[in-house]
C-alpha atoms as a PDB file:
ATOM      1  CA  MET A   1    -259.639 -16.876  18.637  1.00  0.00           C
ATOM      2  CA  ILE A   2    -259.080 -18.271  15.114  1.00  0.00           C
ATOM      3  CA  PRO A   3    -260.663 -21.698  14.534  1.00  0.00           C
ATOM      4  CA  MET A   4    -258.193 -24.557  14.040  1.00  0.00           C
ATOM      5  CA  ASN A   5    -259.258 -25.208  10.406  1.00  0.00           C
ATOM      6  CA  ARG A   6    -258.506 -21.606   9.402  1.00  0.00           C
ATOM      7  CA  ARG A   7    -255.089 -21.702  11.097  1.00  0.00           C
ATOM      8  CA  LEU A   8    -254.254 -24.922   9.247  1.00  0.00           C
ATOM      9  CA  LEU A   9    -255.430 -23.423   5.965  1.00  0.00           C
ATOM     10  CA  ALA A  10    -253.312 -20.290   6.517  1.00  0.00           C
ATOM     11  CA  ALA A  11    -250.269 -22.387   7.461  1.00  0.00           C
ATOM     12  CA  GLY A  12    -250.800 -24.570   4.383  1.00  0.00           C
ATOM     13  CA  LEU A  13    -250.929 -21.532   2.094  1.00  0.00           C
ATOM     14  CA  VAL A  14    -247.706 -20.146   3.529  1.00  0.00           C
ATOM     15  CA  LEU A  15    -245.944 -23.508   3.245  1.00  0.00           C
ATOM     16  CA  SER A  16    -247.135 -24.050  -0.327  1.00  0.00           C
ATOM     17  CA  ALA A  17    -245.597 -20.708  -1.325  1.00  0.00           C
ATOM     18  CA  LEU A  18    -242.186 -21.568   0.145  1.00  0.00           C
ATOM     19  CA  PRO A  19    -240.840 -23.550  -2.847  1.00  0.00           C
ATOM     20  CA  ALA A  20    -241.611 -20.637  -5.181  1.00  0.00           C
ATOM     21  CA  MET A  21    -240.060 -18.163  -2.768  1.00  0.00           C
ATOM     22  CA  ALA A  22    -237.018 -20.405  -2.333  1.00  0.00           C
ATOM     23  CA  GLN A  23    -236.271 -20.286  -6.057  1.00  0.00           C
ATOM     24  CA  PRO A  24    -235.650 -16.642  -6.958  1.00  0.00           C
ATOM     25  CA  ALA A  25    -234.839 -15.552 -10.483  1.00  0.00           C
ATOM     26  CA  PRO A  26    -231.144 -16.116 -11.192  1.00  0.00           C
ATOM     27  CA  ALA A  27    -229.162 -13.141  -9.891  1.00  0.00           C
ATOM     28  CA  ASP A  28    -226.190 -14.380 -11.887  1.00  0.00           C
ATOM     29  CA  PRO A  29    -226.042 -14.269 -15.714  1.00  0.00           C
ATOM     30  CA  VAL A  30    -224.345 -17.693 -15.828  1.00  0.00           C
ATOM     31  CA  ALA A  31    -227.145 -19.219 -13.728  1.00  0.00           C
ATOM     32  CA  ALA A  32    -229.675 -17.696 -16.132  1.00  0.00           C
ATOM     33  CA  LEU A  33    -227.872 -19.260 -19.106  1.00  0.00           C
ATOM     34  CA  ARG A  34    -227.651 -22.625 -17.348  1.00  0.00           C
ATOM     35  CA  ALA A  35    -231.444 -22.465 -16.887  1.00  0.00           C
ATOM     36  CA  PHE A  36    -231.824 -21.509 -20.570  1.00  0.00           C
ATOM     37  CA  TYR A  37    -229.805 -24.526 -21.702  1.00  0.00           C
ATOM     38  CA  ALA A  38    -231.586 -26.827 -19.222  1.00  0.00           C
ATOM     39  CA  LYS A  39    -235.055 -26.032 -20.593  1.00  0.00           C
ATOM     40  CA  PRO A  40    -236.758 -28.831 -22.545  1.00  0.00           C
ATOM     41  CA  GLY A  41    -235.829 -28.790 -26.234  1.00  0.00           C
ATOM     42  CA  ARG A  42    -239.180 -27.636 -27.578  1.00  0.00           C
ATOM     43  CA  ALA A  43    -239.872 -25.141 -24.776  1.00  0.00           C
ATOM     44  CA  SER A  44    -240.171 -21.512 -25.798  1.00  0.00           C
ATOM     45  CA  VAL A  45    -237.103 -19.301 -25.605  1.00  0.00           C
ATOM     46  CA  ASN A  46    -239.310 -16.241 -24.992  1.00  0.00           C
ATOM     47  CA  PRO A  47    -239.089 -16.250 -21.158  1.00  0.00           C
ATOM     48  CA  PHE A  48    -235.299 -15.955 -21.463  1.00  0.00           C
ATOM     49  CA  LEU A  49    -235.267 -13.013 -23.911  1.00  0.00           C
ATOM     50  CA  THR A  50    -235.456  -9.280 -23.336  1.00  0.00           C
ATOM     51  CA  PRO A  51    -238.614  -7.652 -24.725  1.00  0.00           C
ATOM     52  CA  ARG A  52    -236.555  -6.223 -27.640  1.00  0.00           C
ATOM     53  CA  LEU A  53    -235.097  -9.564 -28.715  1.00  0.00           C
ATOM     54  CA  ARG A  54    -238.395 -11.376 -28.065  1.00  0.00           C
ATOM     55  CA  ARG A  55    -240.166  -8.899 -30.398  1.00  0.00           C
ATOM     56  CA  LEU A  56    -237.568  -9.398 -33.163  1.00  0.00           C
ATOM     57  CA  TYR A  57    -237.724 -13.182 -32.790  1.00  0.00           C
ATOM     58  CA  THR A  58    -241.542 -13.279 -32.791  1.00  0.00           C
ATOM     59  CA  GLU A  59    -241.790 -10.966 -35.813  1.00  0.00           C
ATOM     60  CA  GLN A  60    -239.337 -13.092 -37.817  1.00  0.00           C
ATOM     61  CA  GLN A  61    -241.234 -16.263 -36.858  1.00  0.00           C
ATOM     62  CA  ALA A  62    -244.457 -14.649 -38.114  1.00  0.00           C
ATOM     63  CA  ARG A  63    -242.784 -13.639 -41.415  1.00  0.00           C
ATOM     64  CA  SER A  64    -241.496 -17.193 -41.772  1.00  0.00           C
ATOM     65  CA  ARG A  65    -244.996 -18.642 -41.273  1.00  0.00           C
ATOM     66  CA  ARG A  66    -246.556 -16.172 -43.739  1.00  0.00           C
ATOM     67  CA  ALA A  67    -243.908 -16.952 -46.369  1.00  0.00           C
ATOM     68  CA  ASN A  68    -244.139 -20.670 -45.559  1.00  0.00           C
ATOM     69  CA  GLU A  69    -240.365 -20.918 -45.579  1.00  0.00           C
ATOM     70  CA  VAL A  70    -237.427 -20.533 -43.250  1.00  0.00           C
ATOM     71  CA  MET A  71    -236.394 -16.910 -42.979  1.00  0.00           C
ATOM     72  CA  PRO A  72    -232.853 -15.653 -42.293  1.00  0.00           C
ATOM     73  CA  GLY A  73    -231.914 -16.000 -38.657  1.00  0.00           C
ATOM     74  CA  LEU A  74    -234.212 -18.959 -38.098  1.00  0.00           C
ATOM     75  CA  ASP A  75    -232.433 -21.618 -40.155  1.00  0.00           C
ATOM     76  CA  PHE A  76    -230.244 -22.743 -37.248  1.00  0.00           C
ATOM     77  CA  VAL A  77    -230.453 -23.049 -33.475  1.00  0.00           C
ATOM     78  CA  PHE A  78    -228.935 -19.881 -32.042  1.00  0.00           C
ATOM     79  CA  ALA A  79    -228.230 -21.528 -28.668  1.00  0.00           C
ATOM     80  CA  CYS A  80    -225.572 -23.696 -30.297  1.00  0.00           C
ATOM     81  CA  GLY A  81    -224.986 -21.865 -33.577  1.00  0.00           C
ATOM     82  CA  CYS A  82    -225.773 -25.153 -35.279  1.00  0.00           C
ATOM     83  CA  GLN A  83    -228.298 -27.212 -37.156  1.00  0.00           C
ATOM     84  CA  ASP A  84    -227.180 -30.479 -35.631  1.00  0.00           C
ATOM     85  CA  SER A  85    -225.828 -31.610 -32.270  1.00  0.00           C
ATOM     86  CA  ASP A  86    -226.153 -34.536 -29.913  1.00  0.00           C
ATOM     87  CA  ASP A  87    -228.919 -34.364 -27.312  1.00  0.00           C
ATOM     88  CA  ALA A  88    -226.545 -33.836 -24.390  1.00  0.00           C
ATOM     89  CA  TYR A  89    -224.319 -31.114 -25.836  1.00  0.00           C
ATOM     90  CA  HIS A  90    -225.508 -28.564 -23.286  1.00  0.00           C
ATOM     91  CA  THR A  91    -224.205 -30.697 -20.400  1.00  0.00           C
ATOM     92  CA  ARG A  92    -220.648 -30.062 -21.646  1.00  0.00           C
ATOM     93  CA  ASN A  93    -220.955 -26.257 -21.836  1.00  0.00           C
ATOM     94  CA  VAL A  94    -218.201 -24.155 -20.318  1.00  0.00           C
ATOM     95  CA  TYR A  95    -219.279 -20.657 -19.231  1.00  0.00           C
ATOM     96  CA  ARG A  96    -216.975 -17.638 -18.958  1.00  0.00           C
ATOM     97  CA  VAL A  97    -218.037 -14.160 -17.883  1.00  0.00           C
ATOM     98  CA  VAL A  98    -216.342 -11.754 -20.295  1.00  0.00           C
ATOM     99  CA  SER A  99    -217.657  -8.580 -18.654  1.00  0.00           C
ATOM    100  CA  ARG A 100    -220.241  -7.669 -16.051  1.00  0.00           C
ATOM    101  CA  ASP A 101    -221.691  -4.765 -14.138  1.00  0.00           C
ATOM    102  CA  GLU A 102    -225.037  -4.381 -12.350  1.00  0.00           C
ATOM    103  CA  ARG A 103    -226.992  -3.871 -15.577  1.00  0.00           C
ATOM    104  CA  LYS A 104    -225.132  -5.741 -18.346  1.00  0.00           C
ATOM    105  CA  ALA A 105    -223.048  -8.841 -18.759  1.00  0.00           C
ATOM    106  CA  GLN A 106    -221.417 -10.685 -21.592  1.00  0.00           C
ATOM    107  CA  VAL A 107    -220.962 -14.432 -21.227  1.00  0.00           C
ATOM    108  CA  ALA A 108    -219.069 -16.675 -23.648  1.00  0.00           C
ATOM    109  CA  VAL A 109    -220.260 -20.268 -23.772  1.00  0.00           C
ATOM    110  CA  THR A 110    -217.934 -22.867 -25.244  1.00  0.00           C
ATOM    111  CA  LEU A 111    -219.890 -25.778 -26.660  1.00  0.00           C
ATOM    112  CA  LYS A 112    -218.813 -29.204 -27.768  1.00  0.00           C
ATOM    113  CA  LEU A 113    -221.666 -30.236 -30.058  1.00  0.00           C
ATOM    114  CA  PHE A 114    -220.719 -33.911 -30.299  1.00  0.00           C
ATOM    115  CA  ALA A 115    -219.038 -35.888 -27.521  1.00  0.00           C
ATOM    116  CA  ASP A 116    -216.937 -37.915 -29.947  1.00  0.00           C
ATOM    117  CA  GLN A 117    -215.555 -34.927 -31.888  1.00  0.00           C
ATOM    118  CA  PRO A 118    -212.878 -32.486 -30.720  1.00  0.00           C
ATOM    119  CA  GLU A 119    -214.316 -29.322 -32.291  1.00  0.00           C
ATOM    120  CA  THR A 120    -215.825 -26.642 -30.084  1.00  0.00           C
ATOM    121  CA  GLN A 121    -217.889 -23.578 -30.808  1.00  0.00           C
ATOM    122  CA  VAL A 122    -218.151 -20.320 -28.854  1.00  0.00           C
ATOM    123  CA  ILE A 123    -221.463 -18.495 -28.556  1.00  0.00           C
ATOM    124  CA  THR A 124    -221.484 -15.084 -26.863  1.00  0.00           C
ATOM    125  CA  PHE A 125    -224.545 -13.880 -24.982  1.00  0.00           C
ATOM    126  CA  ASP A 126    -225.210 -10.223 -24.220  1.00  0.00           C
ATOM    127  CA  MET A 127    -227.305 -10.221 -21.061  1.00  0.00           C
ATOM    128  CA  LEU A 128    -229.363  -7.474 -19.425  1.00  0.00           C
ATOM    129  CA  ASN A 129    -230.449  -7.391 -15.810  1.00  0.00           C
ATOM    130  CA  ASP A 130    -234.165  -6.655 -15.849  1.00  0.00           C
ATOM    131  CA  ASN A 131    -235.378  -6.084 -12.274  1.00  0.00           C
ATOM    132  CA  GLY A 132    -233.005  -8.688 -10.852  1.00  0.00           C
ATOM    133  CA  ARG A 133    -233.546 -11.211 -13.643  1.00  0.00           C
ATOM    134  CA  TRP A 134    -230.863 -11.767 -16.275  1.00  0.00           C
ATOM    135  CA  LEU A 135    -232.290 -11.952 -19.815  1.00  0.00           C
ATOM    136  CA  ILE A 136    -230.657 -12.564 -23.193  1.00  0.00           C
ATOM    137  CA  ASP A 137    -230.482  -9.329 -25.204  1.00  0.00           C
ATOM    138  CA  ASP A 138    -228.405 -10.625 -28.109  1.00  0.00           C
ATOM    139  CA  VAL A 139    -226.394 -13.634 -29.214  1.00  0.00           C
ATOM    140  CA  SER A 140    -223.414 -13.863 -31.535  1.00  0.00           C
ATOM    141  CA  GLY A 141    -221.106 -16.484 -32.856  1.00  0.00           C
ATOM    142  CA  ALA A 142    -219.130 -17.674 -35.818  1.00  0.00           C
ATOM    143  CA  SER A 143    -219.264 -20.775 -37.906  1.00  0.00           C
ATOM    144  CA  GLY A 144    -216.130 -21.191 -39.945  1.00  0.00           C
ATOM    145  CA  ASP A 145    -215.453 -17.779 -41.466  1.00  0.00           C
ATOM    146  CA  ILE A 146    -219.076 -16.620 -41.135  1.00  0.00           C
ATOM    147  CA  ALA A 147    -219.825 -14.446 -38.109  1.00  0.00           C
ATOM    148  CA  TRP A 148    -223.416 -13.736 -37.065  1.00  0.00           C
ATOM    149  CA  VAL A 149    -225.383 -11.584 -34.640  1.00  0.00           C
ATOM    150  CA  LEU A 150    -228.891 -12.832 -33.890  1.00  0.00           C
ATOM    151  CA  SER A 151    -230.603  -9.423 -33.696  1.00  0.00           C
ATOM    152  CA  ARG A 152    -229.265  -8.522 -37.163  1.00  0.00           C
ATOM    153  CA  LEU A 153    -230.347 -11.852 -38.653  1.00  0.00           C
ATOM    154  CA  LEU A 154    -233.832 -11.450 -37.211  1.00  0.00           C
ATOM    155  CA  GLN A 155    -234.226  -8.112 -38.979  1.00  0.00           C
ATOM    156  CA  MET A 156    -233.276  -9.486 -42.381  1.00  0.00           C
ATOM    157  CA  ARG A 157    -235.844  -9.910 -45.092  1.00  0.00           C
ATOM    158  CA  GLU A 158    -235.264 -12.633 -47.657  1.00  0.00           C
END
């Protein structure tokens, strides 16, 4: 017979694991992007990126630190395609799945950067399903007549 203290300990361990088990990785690319936009402002983007994009981003950050200046691809916030927005812009995002299969998805996010202005911006996310978890593999957008693709910007040298 198992002593009562050990049974309580075992039950406590199982119950403490339930919240983590109840929150699986987003099986939906839109849910993954909602989590990305809901992260605290200074939190790392790395957990949301594929290994390929994370490597490009980290390498460009390192080049920027070594050069002690902002390098191409890092002079704006890729999540909004902007340098300035109000703090709540992400609460107004509108998500649209452009294409999706089991492995890849493309999601367009329409952003309104300032509540009191009518202009919107569209950022497109290329997502990859990595073992049931949707990760950002690339990001693109346009600002005025200038179109950009994050992976290309992150490979630029001065």
